[in-house]
N, C-alpha and C. Protein backbone atom coordinates (compact mmCIF):
# COMPACT_ATOMS: atom_id res chain seq x y z
N UNK A 1 -24.65 -1.10 -44.33
CA UNK A 1 -24.08 0.17 -43.92
C UNK A 1 -24.00 0.23 -42.40
N UNK A 2 -22.92 0.80 -41.90
CA UNK A 2 -22.76 0.93 -40.47
C UNK A 2 -23.25 2.27 -39.98
N UNK A 3 -22.97 2.55 -38.74
CA UNK A 3 -23.40 3.78 -38.10
C UNK A 3 -22.64 4.95 -38.70
N UNK A 4 -23.32 5.85 -39.36
CA UNK A 4 -22.68 7.04 -39.91
C UNK A 4 -21.94 6.78 -41.19
N UNK A 5 -21.92 5.58 -41.71
CA UNK A 5 -21.22 5.32 -42.97
C UNK A 5 -22.25 5.18 -44.08
N UNK A 6 -21.87 5.65 -45.24
CA UNK A 6 -22.80 5.60 -46.36
C UNK A 6 -22.02 5.62 -47.65
N UNK A 7 -22.62 5.03 -48.64
CA UNK A 7 -22.00 5.12 -49.95
C UNK A 7 -22.44 6.38 -50.66
N UNK A 8 -23.45 7.07 -50.10
CA UNK A 8 -23.92 8.31 -50.71
C UNK A 8 -22.95 9.43 -50.39
N UNK A 9 -22.85 10.37 -51.31
CA UNK A 9 -21.93 11.47 -51.13
C UNK A 9 -22.47 12.48 -50.13
N UNK A 10 -23.78 12.67 -50.09
CA UNK A 10 -24.40 13.67 -49.22
C UNK A 10 -24.89 13.00 -47.94
N UNK A 11 -24.47 13.45 -46.72
CA UNK A 11 -24.92 12.81 -45.48
C UNK A 11 -26.42 12.93 -45.28
N UNK A 12 -27.08 13.93 -45.88
CA UNK A 12 -28.52 14.07 -45.72
C UNK A 12 -29.25 12.92 -46.40
N UNK A 13 -28.65 12.39 -47.47
CA UNK A 13 -29.27 11.28 -48.17
C UNK A 13 -29.20 9.98 -47.36
N UNK A 14 -28.16 9.84 -46.49
CA UNK A 14 -28.01 8.61 -45.72
C UNK A 14 -28.92 8.56 -44.52
N UNK A 15 -29.49 9.68 -44.14
CA UNK A 15 -30.41 9.70 -43.00
C UNK A 15 -29.73 10.04 -41.69
N UNK A 16 -28.41 10.25 -41.66
CA UNK A 16 -27.70 10.53 -40.41
C UNK A 16 -28.12 11.87 -39.84
N UNK A 17 -28.15 12.91 -40.67
CA UNK A 17 -28.47 14.23 -40.16
C UNK A 17 -29.97 14.44 -40.02
N UNK A 18 -30.76 13.66 -40.68
CA UNK A 18 -32.20 13.86 -40.62
C UNK A 18 -32.83 13.18 -39.42
N UNK A 19 -32.09 12.35 -38.68
CA UNK A 19 -32.63 11.66 -37.52
C UNK A 19 -33.44 10.45 -37.91
N UNK A 20 -33.18 9.92 -39.09
CA UNK A 20 -33.93 8.78 -39.60
C UNK A 20 -33.69 7.51 -38.79
N UNK A 21 -32.49 7.35 -38.21
CA UNK A 21 -32.15 6.13 -37.48
C UNK A 21 -32.48 6.30 -36.01
N UNK A 22 -33.71 6.23 -35.63
CA UNK A 22 -34.12 6.34 -34.24
C UNK A 22 -34.28 4.97 -33.59
N UNK A 23 -33.84 3.93 -34.26
CA UNK A 23 -33.99 2.58 -33.72
C UNK A 23 -32.76 2.14 -32.93
N UNK A 24 -31.84 3.06 -32.62
CA UNK A 24 -30.67 2.72 -31.82
C UNK A 24 -29.47 2.30 -32.62
N UNK A 25 -29.58 2.21 -33.95
CA UNK A 25 -28.43 1.80 -34.74
C UNK A 25 -27.37 2.88 -34.79
N UNK A 26 -27.74 4.09 -34.66
CA UNK A 26 -26.78 5.18 -34.75
C UNK A 26 -27.04 6.18 -33.63
N UNK A 27 -26.33 6.05 -32.50
CA UNK A 27 -26.59 6.94 -31.38
C UNK A 27 -26.23 8.39 -31.66
N UNK A 28 -25.37 8.64 -32.64
CA UNK A 28 -24.97 10.01 -32.92
C UNK A 28 -26.10 10.81 -33.57
N UNK A 29 -27.13 10.15 -34.12
CA UNK A 29 -28.17 10.87 -34.85
C UNK A 29 -28.91 11.83 -33.94
N UNK A 30 -29.21 11.46 -32.72
CA UNK A 30 -29.92 12.35 -31.82
C UNK A 30 -29.02 13.50 -31.37
N UNK A 31 -27.72 13.22 -31.19
CA UNK A 31 -26.81 14.27 -30.79
C UNK A 31 -26.63 15.28 -31.91
N UNK A 32 -26.62 14.84 -33.14
CA UNK A 32 -26.48 15.75 -34.26
C UNK A 32 -27.70 16.65 -34.36
N UNK A 33 -28.87 16.14 -34.04
CA UNK A 33 -30.07 16.94 -34.09
C UNK A 33 -30.21 17.85 -32.88
N UNK A 34 -29.25 17.82 -31.95
CA UNK A 34 -29.26 18.70 -30.79
C UNK A 34 -29.99 18.13 -29.59
N UNK A 35 -30.39 16.87 -29.64
CA UNK A 35 -31.07 16.26 -28.51
C UNK A 35 -30.07 15.47 -27.67
N UNK A 36 -30.33 15.33 -26.36
CA UNK A 36 -29.48 14.56 -25.47
C UNK A 36 -29.92 13.10 -25.49
N UNK A 37 -29.03 12.15 -25.25
CA UNK A 37 -29.43 10.76 -25.19
C UNK A 37 -30.41 10.53 -24.04
N UNK A 38 -31.31 9.59 -24.21
CA UNK A 38 -32.36 9.36 -23.23
C UNK A 38 -32.10 8.14 -22.35
N UNK A 39 -30.85 7.69 -22.25
CA UNK A 39 -30.60 6.47 -21.50
C UNK A 39 -30.44 6.69 -20.01
N UNK A 40 -30.35 7.92 -19.51
CA UNK A 40 -30.26 8.18 -18.09
C UNK A 40 -28.91 7.84 -17.48
N UNK A 41 -27.93 7.55 -18.28
CA UNK A 41 -26.62 7.15 -17.78
C UNK A 41 -25.91 8.29 -17.07
N UNK A 42 -26.12 9.51 -17.55
CA UNK A 42 -25.40 10.66 -17.00
C UNK A 42 -26.32 11.55 -16.16
N UNK A 43 -27.24 10.95 -15.43
CA UNK A 43 -28.09 11.74 -14.57
C UNK A 43 -27.28 12.32 -13.43
N UNK A 44 -27.58 13.55 -13.06
CA UNK A 44 -26.85 14.23 -11.99
C UNK A 44 -27.71 14.20 -10.74
N UNK A 45 -27.11 13.75 -9.64
CA UNK A 45 -27.79 13.77 -8.35
C UNK A 45 -27.17 14.87 -7.51
N UNK A 46 -28.02 15.61 -6.83
CA UNK A 46 -27.53 16.69 -5.99
C UNK A 46 -27.03 16.14 -4.66
N UNK A 47 -25.82 16.53 -4.28
CA UNK A 47 -25.26 16.15 -2.98
C UNK A 47 -25.48 17.31 -2.03
N UNK A 48 -25.90 17.00 -0.81
CA UNK A 48 -26.20 18.05 0.14
C UNK A 48 -25.41 17.84 1.42
N UNK A 49 -25.16 18.91 2.10
CA UNK A 49 -24.57 18.86 3.43
C UNK A 49 -23.17 18.27 3.44
N UNK A 50 -22.89 17.55 4.52
CA UNK A 50 -21.54 17.03 4.71
C UNK A 50 -21.25 15.80 3.86
N UNK A 51 -22.26 15.16 3.29
CA UNK A 51 -21.98 14.00 2.43
C UNK A 51 -21.14 14.40 1.23
N UNK A 52 -21.24 15.69 0.86
CA UNK A 52 -20.52 16.16 -0.32
C UNK A 52 -19.02 16.30 -0.04
N UNK A 53 -18.64 16.43 1.21
CA UNK A 53 -17.24 16.65 1.55
C UNK A 53 -16.40 15.42 1.24
N UNK A 54 -15.28 15.64 0.62
CA UNK A 54 -14.41 14.53 0.25
C UNK A 54 -13.61 14.02 1.44
N UNK A 55 -13.52 14.81 2.50
CA UNK A 55 -12.70 14.41 3.64
C UNK A 55 -13.33 13.27 4.42
N UNK A 56 -14.63 13.32 4.62
CA UNK A 56 -15.34 12.31 5.39
C UNK A 56 -16.57 11.86 4.61
N UNK A 57 -16.38 11.08 3.56
CA UNK A 57 -17.54 10.71 2.74
C UNK A 57 -18.49 9.76 3.43
N UNK A 58 -18.10 9.15 4.54
CA UNK A 58 -18.96 8.19 5.22
C UNK A 58 -20.00 8.87 6.12
N UNK A 59 -19.82 10.17 6.38
CA UNK A 59 -20.78 10.86 7.24
C UNK A 59 -22.14 10.84 6.55
N UNK A 60 -23.15 10.50 7.28
CA UNK A 60 -24.48 10.40 6.72
C UNK A 60 -24.79 9.02 6.18
N UNK A 61 -23.79 8.17 6.09
CA UNK A 61 -23.97 6.82 5.56
C UNK A 61 -23.94 5.77 6.67
N UNK A 62 -23.26 6.07 7.77
CA UNK A 62 -23.09 5.11 8.86
C UNK A 62 -23.70 5.69 10.12
N UNK A 63 -24.47 4.90 10.81
CA UNK A 63 -25.07 5.33 12.08
C UNK A 63 -24.56 4.45 13.21
N UNK A 64 -24.41 5.03 14.39
CA UNK A 64 -24.00 4.27 15.56
C UNK A 64 -25.16 3.38 16.00
N UNK A 65 -24.88 2.11 16.30
CA UNK A 65 -25.96 1.24 16.75
C UNK A 65 -26.54 1.72 18.09
N UNK A 66 -27.79 1.39 18.31
CA UNK A 66 -28.45 1.83 19.55
C UNK A 66 -27.87 1.14 20.78
N UNK A 67 -27.49 -0.14 20.65
CA UNK A 67 -26.90 -0.87 21.77
C UNK A 67 -25.57 -1.46 21.33
N UNK A 68 -24.56 -1.27 22.13
CA UNK A 68 -23.24 -1.85 21.87
C UNK A 68 -22.43 -1.86 23.16
N UNK A 69 -21.34 -2.58 23.16
CA UNK A 69 -20.46 -2.64 24.34
C UNK A 69 -19.77 -1.30 24.54
N UNK A 70 -19.40 -1.04 25.78
CA UNK A 70 -18.66 0.18 26.08
C UNK A 70 -17.28 0.11 25.44
N UNK A 71 -16.75 1.26 25.07
CA UNK A 71 -15.42 1.32 24.46
C UNK A 71 -14.38 1.00 25.52
N UNK A 72 -13.49 0.07 25.21
CA UNK A 72 -12.45 -0.37 26.13
C UNK A 72 -11.09 -0.04 25.52
N UNK A 73 -10.39 0.92 26.10
CA UNK A 73 -9.10 1.35 25.57
C UNK A 73 -7.93 0.59 26.19
N UNK A 74 -8.19 -0.40 27.04
CA UNK A 74 -7.11 -1.17 27.66
C UNK A 74 -6.45 -2.09 26.66
N UNK A 75 -5.17 -2.40 26.92
CA UNK A 75 -4.46 -3.34 26.06
C UNK A 75 -5.06 -4.74 26.24
N UNK A 76 -5.09 -5.52 25.17
CA UNK A 76 -5.61 -6.89 25.31
C UNK A 76 -4.68 -7.74 26.18
N UNK A 77 -5.24 -8.78 26.78
CA UNK A 77 -4.47 -9.66 27.66
C UNK A 77 -3.52 -10.57 26.88
N UNK A 78 -3.84 -10.86 25.64
CA UNK A 78 -3.01 -11.79 24.86
C UNK A 78 -1.90 -11.04 24.12
N UNK A 79 -0.88 -11.77 23.74
CA UNK A 79 0.22 -11.22 22.95
C UNK A 79 0.38 -12.06 21.69
N UNK A 80 0.79 -11.40 20.64
CA UNK A 80 1.02 -12.09 19.37
C UNK A 80 2.51 -12.20 19.12
N UNK A 81 2.90 -13.24 18.43
CA UNK A 81 4.30 -13.45 18.10
C UNK A 81 4.40 -13.83 16.63
N UNK A 82 5.40 -13.28 15.96
CA UNK A 82 5.60 -13.61 14.55
C UNK A 82 5.95 -15.08 14.39
N UNK A 83 5.33 -15.72 13.44
CA UNK A 83 5.62 -17.11 13.17
C UNK A 83 6.28 -17.26 11.80
N UNK A 84 5.70 -16.60 10.79
CA UNK A 84 6.21 -16.71 9.44
C UNK A 84 5.83 -15.45 8.69
N UNK A 85 6.75 -14.92 7.92
CA UNK A 85 6.50 -13.70 7.16
C UNK A 85 6.60 -14.02 5.67
N UNK A 86 5.56 -13.63 4.94
CA UNK A 86 5.55 -13.80 3.50
C UNK A 86 5.90 -12.47 2.85
N UNK A 87 6.69 -12.50 1.82
CA UNK A 87 7.00 -11.28 1.09
C UNK A 87 8.48 -10.94 1.15
N UNK A 88 8.85 -10.05 0.25
CA UNK A 88 10.23 -9.60 0.12
C UNK A 88 10.18 -8.23 -0.52
N UNK A 89 10.93 -7.28 0.00
CA UNK A 89 10.89 -5.93 -0.56
C UNK A 89 11.82 -5.84 -1.75
N UNK A 90 11.25 -5.69 -2.93
CA UNK A 90 12.07 -5.54 -4.13
C UNK A 90 11.56 -4.41 -5.02
N UNK A 91 10.53 -3.73 -4.61
CA UNK A 91 9.93 -2.70 -5.44
C UNK A 91 10.90 -1.54 -5.69
N UNK A 92 11.56 -1.07 -4.66
CA UNK A 92 12.40 0.11 -4.80
C UNK A 92 13.79 -0.08 -4.20
N UNK A 93 14.21 -1.32 -4.01
CA UNK A 93 15.56 -1.56 -3.50
C UNK A 93 16.12 -2.81 -4.16
N UNK A 94 17.44 -2.85 -4.29
CA UNK A 94 18.10 -3.96 -4.98
C UNK A 94 19.29 -4.45 -4.14
N UNK A 95 19.76 -5.63 -4.45
CA UNK A 95 20.94 -6.24 -3.82
C UNK A 95 20.82 -6.24 -2.30
N UNK A 96 19.74 -6.83 -1.81
CA UNK A 96 19.51 -6.83 -0.37
C UNK A 96 19.14 -8.21 0.16
N UNK A 97 19.50 -9.26 -0.56
CA UNK A 97 19.29 -10.63 -0.09
C UNK A 97 20.63 -11.35 -0.09
N UNK A 98 20.95 -12.01 1.02
CA UNK A 98 22.25 -12.67 1.17
C UNK A 98 22.06 -14.02 1.83
N UNK A 99 23.11 -14.83 1.79
CA UNK A 99 23.16 -16.06 2.57
C UNK A 99 24.14 -15.83 3.70
N UNK A 100 23.73 -16.17 4.95
CA UNK A 100 24.62 -15.99 6.09
C UNK A 100 25.66 -17.12 6.13
N UNK A 101 26.45 -17.15 7.18
CA UNK A 101 27.56 -18.11 7.27
C UNK A 101 27.08 -19.56 7.28
N UNK A 102 25.88 -19.83 7.74
CA UNK A 102 25.37 -21.21 7.76
C UNK A 102 24.48 -21.51 6.55
N UNK A 103 24.43 -20.61 5.58
CA UNK A 103 23.69 -20.87 4.35
C UNK A 103 22.21 -20.52 4.41
N UNK A 104 21.77 -19.79 5.43
CA UNK A 104 20.36 -19.38 5.53
C UNK A 104 20.16 -18.06 4.77
N UNK A 105 19.05 -17.95 4.07
CA UNK A 105 18.74 -16.72 3.33
C UNK A 105 18.41 -15.61 4.32
N UNK A 106 18.99 -14.44 4.10
CA UNK A 106 18.78 -13.30 4.97
C UNK A 106 18.35 -12.12 4.10
N UNK A 107 17.20 -11.55 4.41
CA UNK A 107 16.64 -10.46 3.60
C UNK A 107 15.74 -9.61 4.48
N UNK A 108 15.10 -8.60 3.88
CA UNK A 108 14.22 -7.75 4.66
C UNK A 108 12.89 -7.59 3.96
N UNK A 109 11.87 -7.32 4.75
CA UNK A 109 10.56 -6.96 4.25
C UNK A 109 9.88 -6.09 5.29
N UNK A 110 9.21 -5.06 4.86
CA UNK A 110 8.56 -4.10 5.76
C UNK A 110 9.59 -3.56 6.75
N UNK A 111 9.37 -3.71 8.06
CA UNK A 111 10.31 -3.23 9.07
C UNK A 111 11.02 -4.39 9.74
N UNK A 112 11.14 -5.52 9.07
CA UNK A 112 11.73 -6.73 9.64
C UNK A 112 12.95 -7.19 8.86
N UNK A 113 13.91 -7.72 9.59
CA UNK A 113 14.97 -8.51 8.99
C UNK A 113 14.57 -9.97 9.14
N UNK A 114 14.68 -10.75 8.07
CA UNK A 114 14.22 -12.13 8.08
C UNK A 114 15.39 -13.06 7.81
N UNK A 115 15.48 -14.13 8.62
CA UNK A 115 16.50 -15.18 8.42
C UNK A 115 15.73 -16.46 8.15
N UNK A 116 15.81 -16.95 6.93
CA UNK A 116 15.02 -18.10 6.50
C UNK A 116 15.88 -19.35 6.44
N UNK A 117 15.50 -20.36 7.22
CA UNK A 117 16.13 -21.67 7.13
C UNK A 117 15.30 -22.49 6.14
N UNK A 118 15.81 -22.61 4.91
CA UNK A 118 15.01 -23.25 3.86
C UNK A 118 14.90 -24.76 4.05
N UNK A 119 15.76 -25.37 4.84
CA UNK A 119 15.65 -26.82 5.06
C UNK A 119 14.46 -27.16 5.96
N UNK A 120 14.27 -26.40 7.03
CA UNK A 120 13.14 -26.66 7.93
C UNK A 120 11.96 -25.73 7.66
N UNK A 121 12.13 -24.78 6.72
CA UNK A 121 11.12 -23.80 6.37
C UNK A 121 10.64 -23.01 7.59
N UNK A 122 11.60 -22.57 8.40
CA UNK A 122 11.31 -21.73 9.57
C UNK A 122 12.07 -20.41 9.42
N UNK A 123 11.64 -19.44 10.18
CA UNK A 123 12.26 -18.13 10.11
C UNK A 123 12.61 -17.61 11.49
N UNK A 124 13.68 -16.81 11.54
CA UNK A 124 14.02 -16.01 12.71
C UNK A 124 13.94 -14.56 12.26
N UNK A 125 13.76 -13.63 13.20
CA UNK A 125 13.51 -12.25 12.81
C UNK A 125 14.37 -11.29 13.61
N UNK A 126 14.70 -10.18 12.96
CA UNK A 126 15.18 -9.00 13.67
C UNK A 126 14.03 -8.00 13.62
N UNK A 127 13.55 -7.60 14.78
CA UNK A 127 12.43 -6.67 14.84
C UNK A 127 11.13 -7.39 15.12
N UNK A 128 10.06 -6.67 14.97
CA UNK A 128 8.74 -7.24 15.25
C UNK A 128 8.47 -7.25 16.73
N UNK A 129 7.42 -7.89 17.12
CA UNK A 129 7.05 -7.95 18.53
C UNK A 129 6.30 -6.73 18.96
N UNK A 130 6.01 -6.66 20.23
CA UNK A 130 5.20 -5.58 20.78
C UNK A 130 6.07 -4.37 21.06
N UNK A 131 5.60 -3.21 20.62
CA UNK A 131 6.31 -1.96 20.88
C UNK A 131 5.31 -0.90 21.31
N UNK A 132 5.82 0.12 21.97
CA UNK A 132 4.99 1.28 22.28
C UNK A 132 4.90 2.14 21.03
N UNK A 133 4.15 3.23 21.13
CA UNK A 133 4.04 4.14 20.00
C UNK A 133 5.41 4.75 19.75
N UNK A 134 6.07 4.31 18.72
CA UNK A 134 7.46 4.70 18.48
C UNK A 134 7.59 6.17 18.10
N UNK A 135 6.56 6.78 17.59
CA UNK A 135 6.65 8.18 17.20
C UNK A 135 6.81 9.08 18.42
N UNK A 136 6.33 8.63 19.57
CA UNK A 136 6.40 9.46 20.77
C UNK A 136 7.64 9.17 21.60
N UNK A 137 8.29 8.08 21.32
CA UNK A 137 9.50 7.75 22.08
C UNK A 137 10.70 8.42 21.45
N UNK A 138 11.73 8.60 22.23
CA UNK A 138 12.97 9.13 21.70
C UNK A 138 13.56 8.10 20.74
N UNK A 139 14.06 8.56 19.61
CA UNK A 139 14.56 7.63 18.59
C UNK A 139 15.73 6.80 19.10
N UNK A 140 16.49 7.30 20.05
CA UNK A 140 17.62 6.56 20.59
C UNK A 140 17.22 5.38 21.46
N UNK A 141 15.94 5.32 21.87
CA UNK A 141 15.47 4.24 22.73
C UNK A 141 14.91 3.06 21.95
N UNK A 142 14.85 3.16 20.65
CA UNK A 142 14.22 2.12 19.84
C UNK A 142 15.05 0.83 19.85
N UNK A 143 14.35 -0.29 19.92
CA UNK A 143 15.00 -1.59 19.91
C UNK A 143 14.95 -2.24 18.53
N UNK A 144 14.11 -1.69 17.64
CA UNK A 144 14.01 -2.22 16.27
C UNK A 144 13.49 -1.12 15.37
N UNK A 145 13.40 -1.40 14.09
CA UNK A 145 12.95 -0.40 13.12
C UNK A 145 11.49 -0.02 13.36
N UNK A 146 11.18 1.24 13.13
CA UNK A 146 9.80 1.71 13.27
C UNK A 146 9.24 2.20 11.93
N UNK A 147 9.96 1.97 10.84
CA UNK A 147 9.49 2.30 9.51
C UNK A 147 10.11 1.29 8.54
N UNK A 148 9.71 1.35 7.28
CA UNK A 148 10.17 0.35 6.30
C UNK A 148 11.68 0.38 6.13
N UNK A 149 12.27 -0.80 6.10
CA UNK A 149 13.70 -0.94 5.85
C UNK A 149 13.93 -0.74 4.35
N UNK A 150 14.91 0.10 4.03
CA UNK A 150 15.21 0.41 2.63
C UNK A 150 16.48 -0.27 2.12
N UNK A 151 17.33 -0.71 3.02
CA UNK A 151 18.58 -1.33 2.58
C UNK A 151 19.11 -2.30 3.61
N UNK A 152 19.76 -3.36 3.11
CA UNK A 152 20.38 -4.36 3.97
C UNK A 152 21.75 -4.70 3.39
N UNK A 153 22.74 -4.80 4.25
CA UNK A 153 24.08 -5.21 3.83
C UNK A 153 24.58 -6.24 4.83
N UNK A 154 25.50 -7.11 4.36
CA UNK A 154 26.04 -8.15 5.23
C UNK A 154 27.55 -8.00 5.32
N UNK A 155 28.10 -8.33 6.49
CA UNK A 155 29.54 -8.23 6.69
C UNK A 155 30.26 -9.27 5.82
N UNK A 156 31.54 -9.06 5.51
CA UNK A 156 32.28 -10.00 4.66
C UNK A 156 32.33 -11.42 5.22
N UNK A 157 32.33 -11.56 6.55
CA UNK A 157 32.35 -12.91 7.12
C UNK A 157 30.94 -13.50 7.25
N UNK A 158 29.94 -12.78 6.80
CA UNK A 158 28.53 -13.20 6.76
C UNK A 158 27.96 -13.52 8.14
N UNK A 159 28.42 -12.80 9.16
CA UNK A 159 27.91 -13.04 10.51
C UNK A 159 27.03 -11.90 11.03
N UNK A 160 27.12 -10.71 10.43
CA UNK A 160 26.34 -9.56 10.87
C UNK A 160 25.63 -8.92 9.69
N UNK A 161 24.46 -8.35 9.97
CA UNK A 161 23.71 -7.58 8.97
C UNK A 161 23.55 -6.16 9.47
N UNK A 162 23.46 -5.24 8.54
CA UNK A 162 23.17 -3.85 8.84
C UNK A 162 21.95 -3.46 8.01
N UNK A 163 20.95 -2.87 8.66
CA UNK A 163 19.75 -2.43 7.96
C UNK A 163 19.49 -0.96 8.26
N UNK A 164 18.98 -0.27 7.27
CA UNK A 164 18.64 1.14 7.42
C UNK A 164 17.23 1.38 6.92
N UNK A 165 16.56 2.31 7.56
CA UNK A 165 15.15 2.55 7.26
C UNK A 165 14.94 3.92 6.66
N UNK A 166 13.71 4.14 6.19
CA UNK A 166 13.31 5.45 5.70
C UNK A 166 12.66 6.22 6.85
N UNK A 167 12.36 7.50 6.62
CA UNK A 167 11.70 8.30 7.63
C UNK A 167 12.45 9.59 7.88
N UNK A 168 11.86 10.49 8.66
CA UNK A 168 12.49 11.79 8.91
C UNK A 168 13.71 11.67 9.82
N UNK A 169 13.70 10.68 10.71
CA UNK A 169 14.87 10.41 11.56
C UNK A 169 15.22 8.93 11.36
N UNK A 170 16.00 8.60 10.33
CA UNK A 170 16.26 7.19 10.02
C UNK A 170 17.15 6.51 11.05
N UNK A 171 16.85 5.24 11.28
CA UNK A 171 17.62 4.41 12.21
C UNK A 171 18.43 3.39 11.42
N UNK A 172 19.60 3.07 11.95
CA UNK A 172 20.46 2.01 11.39
C UNK A 172 20.71 1.01 12.51
N UNK A 173 20.51 -0.27 12.21
CA UNK A 173 20.75 -1.32 13.20
C UNK A 173 21.73 -2.34 12.66
N UNK A 174 22.59 -2.81 13.55
CA UNK A 174 23.46 -3.95 13.26
C UNK A 174 22.94 -5.11 14.08
N UNK A 175 22.77 -6.28 13.44
CA UNK A 175 22.21 -7.44 14.14
C UNK A 175 22.86 -8.72 13.66
N UNK A 176 22.76 -9.74 14.49
CA UNK A 176 23.36 -11.04 14.22
C UNK A 176 22.62 -11.72 13.07
N UNK A 177 23.34 -12.15 12.06
CA UNK A 177 22.74 -12.77 10.87
C UNK A 177 22.25 -14.19 11.12
N UNK A 178 22.58 -14.76 12.28
CA UNK A 178 22.11 -16.12 12.62
C UNK A 178 20.87 -16.09 13.51
N UNK A 179 20.88 -15.19 14.50
CA UNK A 179 19.82 -15.19 15.51
C UNK A 179 18.87 -14.01 15.41
N UNK A 180 19.28 -12.92 14.76
CA UNK A 180 18.47 -11.72 14.70
C UNK A 180 18.63 -10.84 15.93
N UNK A 181 19.60 -11.14 16.78
CA UNK A 181 19.82 -10.36 18.00
C UNK A 181 20.46 -9.02 17.66
N UNK A 182 19.93 -7.94 18.27
CA UNK A 182 20.46 -6.60 18.02
C UNK A 182 21.86 -6.45 18.62
N UNK A 183 22.78 -5.85 17.84
CA UNK A 183 24.15 -5.62 18.31
C UNK A 183 24.45 -4.14 18.50
N UNK A 184 23.94 -3.29 17.59
CA UNK A 184 24.23 -1.85 17.69
C UNK A 184 23.12 -1.06 17.00
N UNK A 185 23.06 0.23 17.37
CA UNK A 185 22.04 1.12 16.80
C UNK A 185 22.67 2.47 16.54
N UNK A 186 22.30 3.10 15.43
CA UNK A 186 22.74 4.47 15.11
C UNK A 186 21.54 5.26 14.65
N UNK A 187 21.59 6.55 14.88
CA UNK A 187 20.51 7.44 14.48
C UNK A 187 21.09 8.54 13.61
N UNK A 188 20.51 8.73 12.44
CA UNK A 188 20.94 9.83 11.58
C UNK A 188 20.23 11.10 12.01
N UNK A 189 20.77 12.22 11.59
CA UNK A 189 20.18 13.50 11.98
C UNK A 189 18.84 13.71 11.30
N UNK A 190 18.00 14.53 11.89
CA UNK A 190 16.66 14.79 11.36
C UNK A 190 16.79 15.42 9.98
N UNK A 191 15.94 14.95 9.08
CA UNK A 191 15.95 15.47 7.72
C UNK A 191 16.76 14.63 6.76
N UNK A 192 17.39 13.56 7.24
CA UNK A 192 18.19 12.71 6.36
C UNK A 192 17.30 11.96 5.37
N UNK A 193 16.04 11.68 5.72
CA UNK A 193 15.01 11.10 4.88
C UNK A 193 15.21 9.65 4.51
N UNK A 194 16.23 9.00 4.94
CA UNK A 194 16.36 7.57 4.67
C UNK A 194 17.78 7.14 4.46
N UNK A 195 17.97 5.83 4.45
CA UNK A 195 19.30 5.24 4.28
C UNK A 195 19.45 4.81 2.82
């Protein structure tokens, strides 16, 4: 016989309601008798003070070390340069990968336009590089996308690409499909929400 199953017609005869199975074979027996399980799985711990706040759950858990270096807000002396980008945006956009005039794959991911030479396995990019805080700059001064690109199209002669981004003030860029060099920029009105 299994837990709570019996060939007897009356459940009292099987021992389920009487609490006869206290050896762990039938966990429902203690609940039927009105007792709570004794395994401690659902113990409640009291949260006090700011630890209870969902906004900053780390408060009270992390302490500042007694000795550390002074905070340095200066820009680092080194610069980084894109070498290779892995990934392709296909989650919420379609028909955005093309071959340019020389047969190189051209597509987008994140805020970059990517030109992949599959023979040498190298890439050229539109965008990337070092930028200032783009949210504080005028949108007309941008040299590349500052938010995720949502769409890419290629000219009929396969020499130029056009990319559009999402955001409250979306940007549209036209760039060379061979080199990634910027050719033109357009700004949609505020509230357009994306291309």
